[in-house]
């Protein structure tokens, strides 16, 4: 509901109706609108972390399927399709509210940290074969850059104006971001 109708489209009675539970059930468990939004954020975290866990399992089963930049691009492209697109819309709705609600921000941080961890792993793998390994600080900065870039790509999906059409195209862009990063000690 949140991803489809926005925050104004979510209310205790609407959730009761959508869940096909007796009137008042949602407000019994989540007394306030804030409590309801926090519960939605917690559920999104559960779903996001389950997806990241599945990615890890798939990588272990078939390392070529989700390894490296193409695997990361494939993961990001899921957010352009359902049900992930609606979840991404809900996540952005909650992110706007989290700017005014520290507890909500803390709730959302688990999925942010999980996704950042994947971005950092991609950057680390990218540089694994370098003759002069990157320092952890440079890896962190590049992971932040990649995370921010991908977040922008996902935002274009959310607003219905995708700038990327497929995983191969996104993979080329990701590799460009990673290859264009300055090496330590250079200007």
N, C-alpha and C. Protein backbone atom coordinates (compact mmCIF):
# COMPACT_ATOMS: atom_id res chain seq x y z
N UNK A 1 0.82 -1.19 0.00
CA UNK A 1 0.00 0.00 0.00
C UNK A 1 0.87 1.26 0.00
N UNK A 2 1.88 1.26 0.83
CA UNK A 2 2.75 2.42 0.93
C UNK A 2 3.45 2.68 -0.39
N UNK A 3 3.97 1.65 -1.02
CA UNK A 3 4.66 1.79 -2.29
C UNK A 3 3.73 2.15 -3.43
N UNK A 4 2.50 1.73 -3.35
CA UNK A 4 1.54 2.00 -4.42
C UNK A 4 0.86 3.35 -4.25
N UNK A 5 0.44 3.67 -3.01
CA UNK A 5 -0.40 4.84 -2.76
C UNK A 5 0.30 5.97 -2.01
N UNK A 6 1.54 5.76 -1.58
CA UNK A 6 2.24 6.77 -0.80
C UNK A 6 1.79 6.75 0.65
N UNK A 7 2.42 7.59 1.44
CA UNK A 7 2.14 7.56 2.88
C UNK A 7 0.72 7.99 3.20
N UNK A 8 0.14 8.83 2.37
CA UNK A 8 -1.25 9.24 2.62
C UNK A 8 -2.24 8.11 2.33
N UNK A 9 -1.80 7.12 1.59
CA UNK A 9 -2.67 6.00 1.26
C UNK A 9 -2.66 4.91 2.31
N UNK A 10 -1.92 5.11 3.40
CA UNK A 10 -1.82 4.10 4.45
C UNK A 10 -2.53 4.61 5.70
N UNK A 11 -3.49 3.83 6.14
CA UNK A 11 -4.18 4.14 7.39
C UNK A 11 -4.56 2.81 8.04
N UNK A 12 -4.87 2.87 9.31
CA UNK A 12 -5.27 1.65 10.01
C UNK A 12 -6.47 0.99 9.33
N UNK A 13 -7.55 1.71 9.02
CA UNK A 13 -8.70 1.06 8.37
C UNK A 13 -8.36 0.47 7.00
N UNK A 14 -7.51 1.18 6.23
CA UNK A 14 -7.13 0.67 4.90
C UNK A 14 -6.31 -0.61 5.02
N UNK A 15 -5.43 -0.66 6.01
CA UNK A 15 -4.64 -1.87 6.22
C UNK A 15 -5.55 -3.02 6.65
N UNK A 16 -6.51 -2.75 7.54
CA UNK A 16 -7.47 -3.78 7.95
C UNK A 16 -8.19 -4.35 6.74
N UNK A 17 -8.66 -3.45 5.88
CA UNK A 17 -9.41 -3.88 4.70
C UNK A 17 -8.53 -4.71 3.76
N UNK A 18 -7.32 -4.20 3.48
CA UNK A 18 -6.40 -4.91 2.57
C UNK A 18 -6.01 -6.27 3.13
N UNK A 19 -5.81 -6.35 4.45
CA UNK A 19 -5.40 -7.60 5.08
C UNK A 19 -6.59 -8.52 5.35
N UNK A 20 -7.80 -8.00 5.10
CA UNK A 20 -9.02 -8.76 5.33
C UNK A 20 -9.11 -9.26 6.77
N UNK A 21 -8.86 -8.33 7.69
CA UNK A 21 -8.99 -8.62 9.11
C UNK A 21 -10.10 -7.73 9.67
N UNK A 22 -10.63 -8.09 10.83
CA UNK A 22 -11.70 -7.26 11.41
C UNK A 22 -11.24 -5.82 11.64
N UNK A 23 -12.20 -4.89 11.51
CA UNK A 23 -11.91 -3.48 11.77
C UNK A 23 -11.29 -3.32 13.15
N UNK A 24 -10.26 -2.51 13.22
CA UNK A 24 -9.61 -2.23 14.48
C UNK A 24 -8.41 -3.12 14.79
N UNK A 25 -8.22 -4.16 14.00
CA UNK A 25 -7.13 -5.09 14.27
C UNK A 25 -5.77 -4.39 14.16
N UNK A 26 -5.56 -3.64 13.10
CA UNK A 26 -4.28 -2.96 12.90
C UNK A 26 -4.01 -1.97 14.02
N UNK A 27 -5.04 -1.19 14.39
CA UNK A 27 -4.82 -0.20 15.45
C UNK A 27 -4.63 -0.85 16.81
N UNK A 28 -5.10 -2.08 16.98
CA UNK A 28 -4.86 -2.79 18.23
C UNK A 28 -3.37 -3.12 18.37
N UNK A 29 -2.75 -3.56 17.26
CA UNK A 29 -1.34 -3.93 17.30
C UNK A 29 -0.40 -2.74 17.13
N UNK A 30 -0.83 -1.76 16.37
CA UNK A 30 -0.01 -0.58 16.09
C UNK A 30 -0.86 0.64 16.43
N UNK A 31 -0.75 1.11 17.65
CA UNK A 31 -1.65 2.12 18.20
C UNK A 31 -1.62 3.45 17.45
N UNK A 32 -0.46 3.82 16.93
CA UNK A 32 -0.33 5.11 16.27
C UNK A 32 0.10 4.91 14.82
N UNK A 33 -0.04 5.97 14.06
CA UNK A 33 0.42 5.94 12.67
C UNK A 33 1.93 5.73 12.63
N UNK A 34 2.66 6.38 13.55
CA UNK A 34 4.10 6.18 13.61
C UNK A 34 4.44 4.72 13.86
N UNK A 35 3.72 4.08 14.77
CA UNK A 35 3.96 2.67 15.06
C UNK A 35 3.70 1.81 13.82
N UNK A 36 2.68 2.17 13.06
CA UNK A 36 2.38 1.44 11.82
C UNK A 36 3.50 1.62 10.80
N UNK A 37 4.00 2.83 10.65
CA UNK A 37 5.10 3.09 9.71
C UNK A 37 6.37 2.37 10.14
N UNK A 38 6.62 2.33 11.43
CA UNK A 38 7.80 1.62 11.94
C UNK A 38 7.67 0.11 11.65
N UNK A 39 6.47 -0.41 11.78
CA UNK A 39 6.25 -1.83 11.48
C UNK A 39 6.46 -2.11 10.00
N UNK A 40 6.02 -1.20 9.15
CA UNK A 40 6.23 -1.36 7.71
C UNK A 40 7.73 -1.33 7.41
N UNK A 41 8.45 -0.40 8.03
CA UNK A 41 9.91 -0.33 7.83
C UNK A 41 10.58 -1.62 8.29
N UNK A 42 10.16 -2.14 9.42
CA UNK A 42 10.74 -3.39 9.93
C UNK A 42 10.49 -4.53 8.95
N UNK A 43 9.28 -4.57 8.38
CA UNK A 43 8.96 -5.63 7.41
C UNK A 43 9.79 -5.47 6.14
N UNK A 44 9.95 -4.25 5.67
CA UNK A 44 10.81 -4.03 4.50
C UNK A 44 12.23 -4.49 4.76
N UNK A 45 12.73 -4.21 5.97
CA UNK A 45 14.06 -4.69 6.33
C UNK A 45 14.13 -6.21 6.25
N UNK A 46 13.13 -6.88 6.80
CA UNK A 46 13.10 -8.35 6.75
C UNK A 46 13.16 -8.84 5.32
N UNK A 47 12.35 -8.24 4.45
CA UNK A 47 12.33 -8.66 3.04
C UNK A 47 13.66 -8.37 2.35
N UNK A 48 14.21 -7.18 2.61
CA UNK A 48 15.49 -6.81 1.99
C UNK A 48 16.62 -7.74 2.44
N UNK A 49 16.68 -7.98 3.73
CA UNK A 49 17.75 -8.85 4.25
C UNK A 49 17.58 -10.28 3.77
N UNK A 50 16.33 -10.73 3.60
CA UNK A 50 16.09 -12.07 3.05
C UNK A 50 16.58 -12.13 1.60
N UNK A 51 16.34 -11.06 0.83
CA UNK A 51 16.82 -11.02 -0.55
C UNK A 51 18.35 -11.04 -0.59
N UNK A 52 18.99 -10.27 0.28
CA UNK A 52 20.45 -10.26 0.31
C UNK A 52 20.99 -11.62 0.75
N UNK A 53 20.29 -12.28 1.66
CA UNK A 53 20.68 -13.62 2.09
C UNK A 53 20.56 -14.60 0.93
N UNK A 54 19.47 -14.47 0.18
CA UNK A 54 19.29 -15.34 -0.99
C UNK A 54 20.40 -15.09 -2.01
N UNK A 55 20.78 -13.84 -2.19
CA UNK A 55 21.88 -13.53 -3.09
C UNK A 55 23.15 -14.24 -2.66
N UNK A 56 23.41 -14.23 -1.37
CA UNK A 56 24.60 -14.91 -0.84
C UNK A 56 24.51 -16.40 -1.11
N UNK A 57 23.33 -16.99 -0.89
CA UNK A 57 23.16 -18.43 -1.15
C UNK A 57 23.36 -18.74 -2.62
N UNK A 58 22.81 -17.90 -3.51
CA UNK A 58 22.97 -18.13 -4.95
C UNK A 58 24.42 -17.99 -5.36
N UNK A 59 25.12 -17.05 -4.77
CA UNK A 59 26.54 -16.87 -5.08
C UNK A 59 27.33 -18.10 -4.69
N UNK A 60 27.01 -18.65 -3.52
CA UNK A 60 27.70 -19.87 -3.09
C UNK A 60 27.37 -21.04 -4.00
N UNK A 61 26.13 -21.11 -4.49
CA UNK A 61 25.72 -22.22 -5.34
C UNK A 61 26.30 -22.08 -6.75
N UNK A 62 26.28 -20.88 -7.29
CA UNK A 62 26.78 -20.62 -8.64
C UNK A 62 27.47 -19.26 -8.64
N UNK A 63 28.75 -19.23 -8.32
CA UNK A 63 29.45 -17.96 -8.16
C UNK A 63 29.40 -17.05 -9.37
N UNK A 64 29.18 -17.58 -10.57
CA UNK A 64 29.15 -16.73 -11.74
C UNK A 64 27.82 -16.01 -11.89
N UNK A 65 26.77 -16.49 -11.27
CA UNK A 65 25.45 -15.90 -11.49
C UNK A 65 25.30 -14.52 -10.87
N UNK A 66 25.81 -14.33 -9.67
CA UNK A 66 25.65 -13.04 -9.00
C UNK A 66 26.97 -12.45 -8.53
N UNK A 67 28.07 -12.92 -9.06
CA UNK A 67 29.37 -12.39 -8.65
C UNK A 67 29.69 -11.14 -9.45
N UNK A 68 30.51 -10.31 -8.86
CA UNK A 68 31.06 -9.17 -9.56
C UNK A 68 30.06 -8.10 -9.92
N UNK A 69 30.51 -7.24 -10.83
CA UNK A 69 29.70 -6.09 -11.20
C UNK A 69 28.41 -6.48 -11.92
N UNK A 70 28.45 -7.51 -12.76
CA UNK A 70 27.23 -7.93 -13.47
C UNK A 70 26.20 -8.48 -12.48
N UNK A 71 26.66 -9.23 -11.50
CA UNK A 71 25.73 -9.73 -10.49
C UNK A 71 25.11 -8.61 -9.69
N UNK A 72 25.91 -7.62 -9.35
CA UNK A 72 25.40 -6.46 -8.63
C UNK A 72 24.40 -5.70 -9.50
N UNK A 73 24.73 -5.53 -10.77
CA UNK A 73 23.82 -4.86 -11.70
C UNK A 73 22.50 -5.62 -11.81
N UNK A 74 22.58 -6.94 -11.86
CA UNK A 74 21.37 -7.77 -11.92
C UNK A 74 20.52 -7.55 -10.68
N UNK A 75 21.15 -7.53 -9.52
CA UNK A 75 20.43 -7.29 -8.28
C UNK A 75 19.73 -5.93 -8.31
N UNK A 76 20.43 -4.90 -8.76
CA UNK A 76 19.84 -3.56 -8.82
C UNK A 76 18.68 -3.53 -9.80
N UNK A 77 18.80 -4.21 -10.91
CA UNK A 77 17.75 -4.20 -11.93
C UNK A 77 16.45 -4.85 -11.42
N UNK A 78 16.56 -5.72 -10.43
CA UNK A 78 15.33 -6.27 -9.83
C UNK A 78 14.43 -5.15 -9.33
N UNK A 79 15.01 -4.05 -8.86
CA UNK A 79 14.19 -2.97 -8.30
C UNK A 79 13.37 -2.25 -9.37
N UNK A 80 13.56 -2.60 -10.63
CA UNK A 80 12.75 -2.04 -11.71
C UNK A 80 11.54 -2.91 -12.02
N UNK A 81 11.46 -4.07 -11.36
CA UNK A 81 10.36 -5.00 -11.62
C UNK A 81 9.61 -5.30 -10.32
N UNK A 82 8.41 -5.81 -10.47
CA UNK A 82 7.60 -6.14 -9.29
C UNK A 82 8.01 -7.49 -8.74
N UNK A 83 7.92 -7.68 -7.45
CA UNK A 83 7.39 -6.80 -6.41
C UNK A 83 8.41 -5.81 -5.86
N UNK A 84 9.64 -5.87 -6.38
CA UNK A 84 10.72 -5.04 -5.83
C UNK A 84 10.51 -3.55 -6.11
N UNK A 85 9.87 -3.21 -7.24
CA UNK A 85 9.64 -1.80 -7.55
C UNK A 85 8.72 -1.17 -6.50
N UNK A 86 7.65 -1.85 -6.16
CA UNK A 86 6.74 -1.32 -5.14
C UNK A 86 7.44 -1.21 -3.80
N UNK A 87 8.28 -2.18 -3.48
CA UNK A 87 9.06 -2.11 -2.23
C UNK A 87 10.03 -0.94 -2.26
N UNK A 88 10.66 -0.69 -3.41
CA UNK A 88 11.58 0.44 -3.52
C UNK A 88 10.83 1.75 -3.31
N UNK A 89 9.64 1.85 -3.88
CA UNK A 89 8.83 3.06 -3.68
C UNK A 89 8.50 3.24 -2.21
N UNK A 90 8.13 2.16 -1.54
CA UNK A 90 7.81 2.24 -0.11
C UNK A 90 9.06 2.65 0.68
N UNK A 91 10.21 2.11 0.32
CA UNK A 91 11.46 2.43 1.01
C UNK A 91 11.78 3.92 0.88
N UNK A 92 11.58 4.48 -0.31
CA UNK A 92 11.84 5.91 -0.50
C UNK A 92 10.83 6.76 0.27
N UNK A 93 9.59 6.33 0.33
CA UNK A 93 8.59 7.04 1.15
C UNK A 93 9.04 7.07 2.60
N UNK A 94 9.47 5.92 3.09
CA UNK A 94 9.92 5.84 4.47
C UNK A 94 11.21 6.64 4.70
N UNK A 95 12.08 6.65 3.70
CA UNK A 95 13.33 7.39 3.83
C UNK A 95 13.07 8.88 4.03
N UNK A 96 12.07 9.40 3.33
CA UNK A 96 11.72 10.81 3.51
C UNK A 96 11.25 11.07 4.93
N UNK A 97 10.44 10.17 5.46
CA UNK A 97 9.97 10.32 6.84
C UNK A 97 11.10 10.12 7.84
N UNK A 98 12.03 9.25 7.50
CA UNK A 98 13.15 8.96 8.42
C UNK A 98 14.02 10.19 8.66
N UNK A 99 14.00 11.13 7.74
CA UNK A 99 14.74 12.36 7.94
C UNK A 99 14.21 13.18 9.11
N UNK A 100 12.99 12.89 9.52
CA UNK A 100 12.37 13.59 10.65
C UNK A 100 12.10 12.66 11.83
N UNK A 101 12.53 11.42 11.72
CA UNK A 101 12.22 10.43 12.75
C UNK A 101 13.43 9.54 12.95
N UNK A 102 14.20 9.81 14.01
CA UNK A 102 15.44 9.07 14.26
C UNK A 102 15.20 7.57 14.46
N UNK A 103 14.11 7.22 15.10
CA UNK A 103 13.82 5.80 15.34
C UNK A 103 13.54 5.08 14.03
N UNK A 104 12.80 5.73 13.14
CA UNK A 104 12.54 5.15 11.83
C UNK A 104 13.83 5.02 11.03
N UNK A 105 14.68 6.04 11.11
CA UNK A 105 15.98 5.99 10.43
C UNK A 105 16.80 4.81 10.94
N UNK A 106 16.77 4.59 12.24
CA UNK A 106 17.52 3.46 12.81
C UNK A 106 16.96 2.13 12.30
N UNK A 107 15.66 2.05 12.16
CA UNK A 107 15.04 0.83 11.66
C UNK A 107 15.46 0.56 10.23
N UNK A 108 15.50 1.60 9.42
CA UNK A 108 15.86 1.43 8.01
C UNK A 108 17.35 1.17 7.80
N UNK A 109 18.16 1.47 8.80
CA UNK A 109 19.60 1.35 8.63
C UNK A 109 20.07 -0.08 8.37
N UNK A 110 19.35 -1.07 8.83
CA UNK A 110 19.79 -2.46 8.62
C UNK A 110 19.85 -2.81 7.13
N UNK A 111 18.81 -2.42 6.38
CA UNK A 111 18.84 -2.75 4.96
C UNK A 111 19.85 -1.89 4.22
N UNK A 112 20.02 -0.64 4.64
CA UNK A 112 21.03 0.23 4.03
C UNK A 112 22.42 -0.37 4.24
N UNK A 113 22.71 -0.79 5.47
CA UNK A 113 24.01 -1.38 5.77
C UNK A 113 24.22 -2.68 4.99
N UNK A 114 23.17 -3.47 4.85
CA UNK A 114 23.30 -4.72 4.09
C UNK A 114 23.61 -4.46 2.63
N UNK A 115 22.90 -3.49 2.03
CA UNK A 115 23.12 -3.18 0.62
C UNK A 115 24.48 -2.53 0.43
N UNK A 116 24.89 -1.66 1.37
CA UNK A 116 26.23 -1.07 1.30
C UNK A 116 27.28 -2.18 1.39
N UNK A 117 27.04 -3.18 2.22
CA UNK A 117 27.98 -4.30 2.34
C UNK A 117 28.17 -5.02 1.02
N UNK A 118 27.08 -5.17 0.26
CA UNK A 118 27.18 -5.80 -1.07
C UNK A 118 28.00 -4.90 -2.00
N UNK A 119 27.73 -3.59 -1.97
CA UNK A 119 28.50 -2.66 -2.81
C UNK A 119 29.98 -2.71 -2.46
N UNK A 120 30.28 -2.77 -1.18
CA UNK A 120 31.68 -2.82 -0.74
C UNK A 120 32.34 -4.11 -1.21
N UNK A 121 31.61 -5.22 -1.15
CA UNK A 121 32.14 -6.50 -1.62
C UNK A 121 32.44 -6.45 -3.12
N UNK A 122 31.58 -5.80 -3.88
CA UNK A 122 31.80 -5.66 -5.32
C UNK A 122 33.07 -4.85 -5.57
N UNK A 123 33.24 -3.77 -4.86
CA UNK A 123 34.44 -2.93 -5.02
C UNK A 123 35.69 -3.71 -4.62
N UNK A 124 35.62 -4.41 -3.51
CA UNK A 124 36.76 -5.21 -3.05
C UNK A 124 37.14 -6.26 -4.08
N UNK A 125 36.13 -6.94 -4.63
CA UNK A 125 36.39 -7.96 -5.66
C UNK A 125 36.99 -7.32 -6.91
N UNK A 126 36.49 -6.15 -7.28
CA UNK A 126 36.98 -5.44 -8.47
C UNK A 126 38.48 -5.19 -8.36
N UNK A 127 38.92 -4.84 -7.16
CA UNK A 127 40.33 -4.49 -6.96
C UNK A 127 41.19 -5.68 -6.52
N UNK A 128 40.63 -6.84 -6.40
CA UNK A 128 41.37 -8.00 -5.89
C UNK A 128 42.60 -8.33 -6.72
N UNK A 129 42.54 -8.12 -8.01
CA UNK A 129 43.66 -8.48 -8.88
C UNK A 129 44.65 -7.33 -9.09
N UNK A 130 44.39 -6.18 -8.49
CA UNK A 130 45.30 -5.03 -8.65
C UNK A 130 46.69 -5.35 -8.12
N UNK A 131 47.70 -4.88 -8.87
CA UNK A 131 49.08 -5.05 -8.41
C UNK A 131 49.33 -4.25 -7.14
N UNK A 132 48.77 -3.06 -7.09
CA UNK A 132 48.88 -2.20 -5.91
C UNK A 132 47.51 -2.13 -5.26
N UNK A 133 47.29 -2.94 -4.25
CA UNK A 133 45.96 -2.98 -3.64
C UNK A 133 45.55 -1.62 -3.07
N UNK A 134 44.26 -1.35 -3.16
CA UNK A 134 43.70 -0.11 -2.62
C UNK A 134 43.65 -0.21 -1.10
N UNK A 135 43.82 0.91 -0.46
CA UNK A 135 43.70 0.95 1.00
C UNK A 135 42.23 0.77 1.38
N UNK A 136 41.96 0.31 2.59
CA UNK A 136 40.57 0.17 3.05
C UNK A 136 39.79 1.49 2.96
N UNK A 137 40.48 2.62 3.17
CA UNK A 137 39.81 3.91 3.09
C UNK A 137 39.34 4.21 1.67
N UNK A 138 40.17 3.90 0.67
CA UNK A 138 39.79 4.12 -0.72
C UNK A 138 38.67 3.15 -1.11
N UNK A 139 38.77 1.92 -0.66
CA UNK A 139 37.69 0.94 -0.92
C UNK A 139 36.39 1.48 -0.35
N UNK A 140 36.41 2.00 0.88
CA UNK A 140 35.20 2.55 1.50
C UNK A 140 34.64 3.72 0.69
N UNK A 141 35.52 4.62 0.27
CA UNK A 141 35.06 5.79 -0.50
C UNK A 141 34.46 5.35 -1.83
N UNK A 142 35.10 4.39 -2.47
CA UNK A 142 34.58 3.94 -3.76
C UNK A 142 33.27 3.18 -3.57
N UNK A 143 33.15 2.43 -2.50
CA UNK A 143 31.89 1.74 -2.20
C UNK A 143 30.77 2.75 -1.95
N UNK A 144 31.08 3.83 -1.25
CA UNK A 144 30.08 4.89 -1.03
C UNK A 144 29.66 5.52 -2.35
N UNK A 145 30.62 5.72 -3.23
CA UNK A 145 30.32 6.29 -4.55
C UNK A 145 29.43 5.34 -5.34
N UNK A 146 29.78 4.07 -5.36
CA UNK A 146 28.98 3.07 -6.07
C UNK A 146 27.58 2.98 -5.47
N UNK A 147 27.50 2.94 -4.15
CA UNK A 147 26.21 2.88 -3.46
C UNK A 147 25.35 4.08 -3.85
N UNK A 148 25.94 5.27 -3.86
CA UNK A 148 25.20 6.49 -4.20
C UNK A 148 24.75 6.47 -5.66
N UNK A 149 25.63 6.04 -6.54
CA UNK A 149 25.29 5.95 -7.96
C UNK A 149 24.11 5.00 -8.17
N UNK A 150 24.18 3.84 -7.58
CA UNK A 150 23.13 2.83 -7.75
C UNK A 150 21.82 3.31 -7.13
N UNK A 151 21.93 4.01 -6.01
CA UNK A 151 20.73 4.57 -5.39
C UNK A 151 20.04 5.54 -6.35
N UNK A 152 20.82 6.33 -7.06
CA UNK A 152 20.26 7.23 -8.07
C UNK A 152 19.59 6.48 -9.20
N UNK A 153 20.20 5.39 -9.64
CA UNK A 153 19.60 4.56 -10.69
C UNK A 153 18.25 4.01 -10.21
N UNK A 154 18.23 3.53 -8.97
CA UNK A 154 16.97 2.98 -8.44
C UNK A 154 15.91 4.07 -8.32
N UNK A 155 16.32 5.28 -8.00
CA UNK A 155 15.37 6.39 -7.91
C UNK A 155 14.72 6.64 -9.27
N UNK A 156 15.48 6.48 -10.36
CA UNK A 156 14.87 6.67 -11.68
C UNK A 156 13.81 5.62 -11.96
N UNK A 157 13.99 4.42 -11.42
CA UNK A 157 12.95 3.39 -11.55
C UNK A 157 11.70 3.80 -10.78
N UNK A 158 11.91 4.29 -9.57
CA UNK A 158 10.82 4.67 -8.67
C UNK A 158 9.97 5.77 -9.28
N UNK A 159 10.60 6.75 -9.93
CA UNK A 159 9.83 7.86 -10.49
C UNK A 159 9.32 7.55 -11.90
N UNK A 160 9.59 6.35 -12.40
CA UNK A 160 9.07 5.95 -13.70
C UNK A 160 9.83 6.51 -14.89
N UNK A 161 11.07 6.91 -14.68
CA UNK A 161 11.89 7.44 -15.75
C UNK A 161 13.26 6.76 -15.76
N UNK A 162 13.27 5.44 -15.98
CA UNK A 162 14.53 4.70 -15.88
C UNK A 162 15.56 5.18 -16.90
N UNK A 163 16.78 5.36 -16.40
CA UNK A 163 17.89 5.75 -17.26
C UNK A 163 18.69 4.55 -17.73
N UNK A 164 18.37 3.38 -17.17
CA UNK A 164 19.09 2.16 -17.50
C UNK A 164 18.04 1.11 -17.90
N UNK A 165 18.33 0.40 -19.00
CA UNK A 165 17.35 -0.55 -19.53
C UNK A 165 17.57 -2.00 -19.11
N UNK A 166 18.82 -2.36 -18.83
CA UNK A 166 19.09 -3.77 -18.54
C UNK A 166 20.38 -3.90 -17.72
N UNK A 167 20.59 -5.10 -17.22
CA UNK A 167 21.75 -5.35 -16.35
C UNK A 167 23.07 -5.16 -17.09
N UNK A 168 23.14 -5.53 -18.36
CA UNK A 168 24.40 -5.36 -19.10
C UNK A 168 24.77 -3.87 -19.22
N UNK A 169 23.78 -3.02 -19.50
CA UNK A 169 24.03 -1.59 -19.59
C UNK A 169 24.48 -1.05 -18.23
N UNK A 170 23.79 -1.44 -17.18
CA UNK A 170 24.16 -0.98 -15.84
C UNK A 170 25.54 -1.50 -15.45
N UNK A 171 25.85 -2.72 -15.82
CA UNK A 171 27.17 -3.29 -15.53
C UNK A 171 28.27 -2.43 -16.18
N UNK A 172 28.07 -2.01 -17.43
CA UNK A 172 29.06 -1.15 -18.10
C UNK A 172 29.23 0.17 -17.33
N UNK A 173 28.13 0.73 -16.87
CA UNK A 173 28.20 1.99 -16.12
C UNK A 173 28.92 1.79 -14.78
N UNK A 174 28.61 0.69 -14.10
CA UNK A 174 29.27 0.40 -12.82
C UNK A 174 30.76 0.23 -13.02
N UNK A 175 31.13 -0.53 -14.05
CA UNK A 175 32.56 -0.71 -14.32
C UNK A 175 33.23 0.61 -14.65
N UNK A 176 32.51 1.51 -15.33
CA UNK A 176 33.05 2.83 -15.62
C UNK A 176 33.27 3.64 -14.35
N UNK A 177 32.32 3.55 -13.43
CA UNK A 177 32.47 4.23 -12.14
C UNK A 177 33.70 3.69 -11.42
N UNK A 178 33.86 2.38 -11.39
CA UNK A 178 34.98 1.77 -10.68
C UNK A 178 36.31 2.05 -11.37
N UNK A 179 36.34 2.00 -12.68
CA UNK A 179 37.59 2.22 -13.41
C UNK A 179 38.02 3.69 -13.37
N UNK A 180 37.07 4.59 -13.22
CA UNK A 180 37.39 6.01 -13.24
C UNK A 180 37.84 6.56 -11.91
N UNK A 181 37.81 5.73 -10.89
CA UNK A 181 38.19 6.20 -9.55
C UNK A 181 39.69 6.45 -9.51
N UNK A 182 40.12 7.60 -8.97
CA UNK A 182 41.57 7.87 -8.95
C UNK A 182 42.31 6.92 -8.02
N UNK A 183 43.50 6.59 -8.42
CA UNK A 183 44.35 5.73 -7.63
C UNK A 183 44.97 6.58 -6.52
N UNK A 184 45.18 5.98 -5.38
CA UNK A 184 45.80 6.67 -4.25
C UNK A 184 47.08 7.34 -4.70
N UNK A 185 47.29 8.56 -4.22
CA UNK A 185 48.52 9.27 -4.49
C UNK A 185 48.48 10.07 -5.79
N UNK A 186 47.36 10.02 -6.54
CA UNK A 186 47.25 10.80 -7.75
C UNK A 186 46.23 11.91 -7.53
N UNK A 187 46.31 12.91 -8.36
CA UNK A 187 45.39 14.05 -8.24
C UNK A 187 44.09 13.78 -8.96
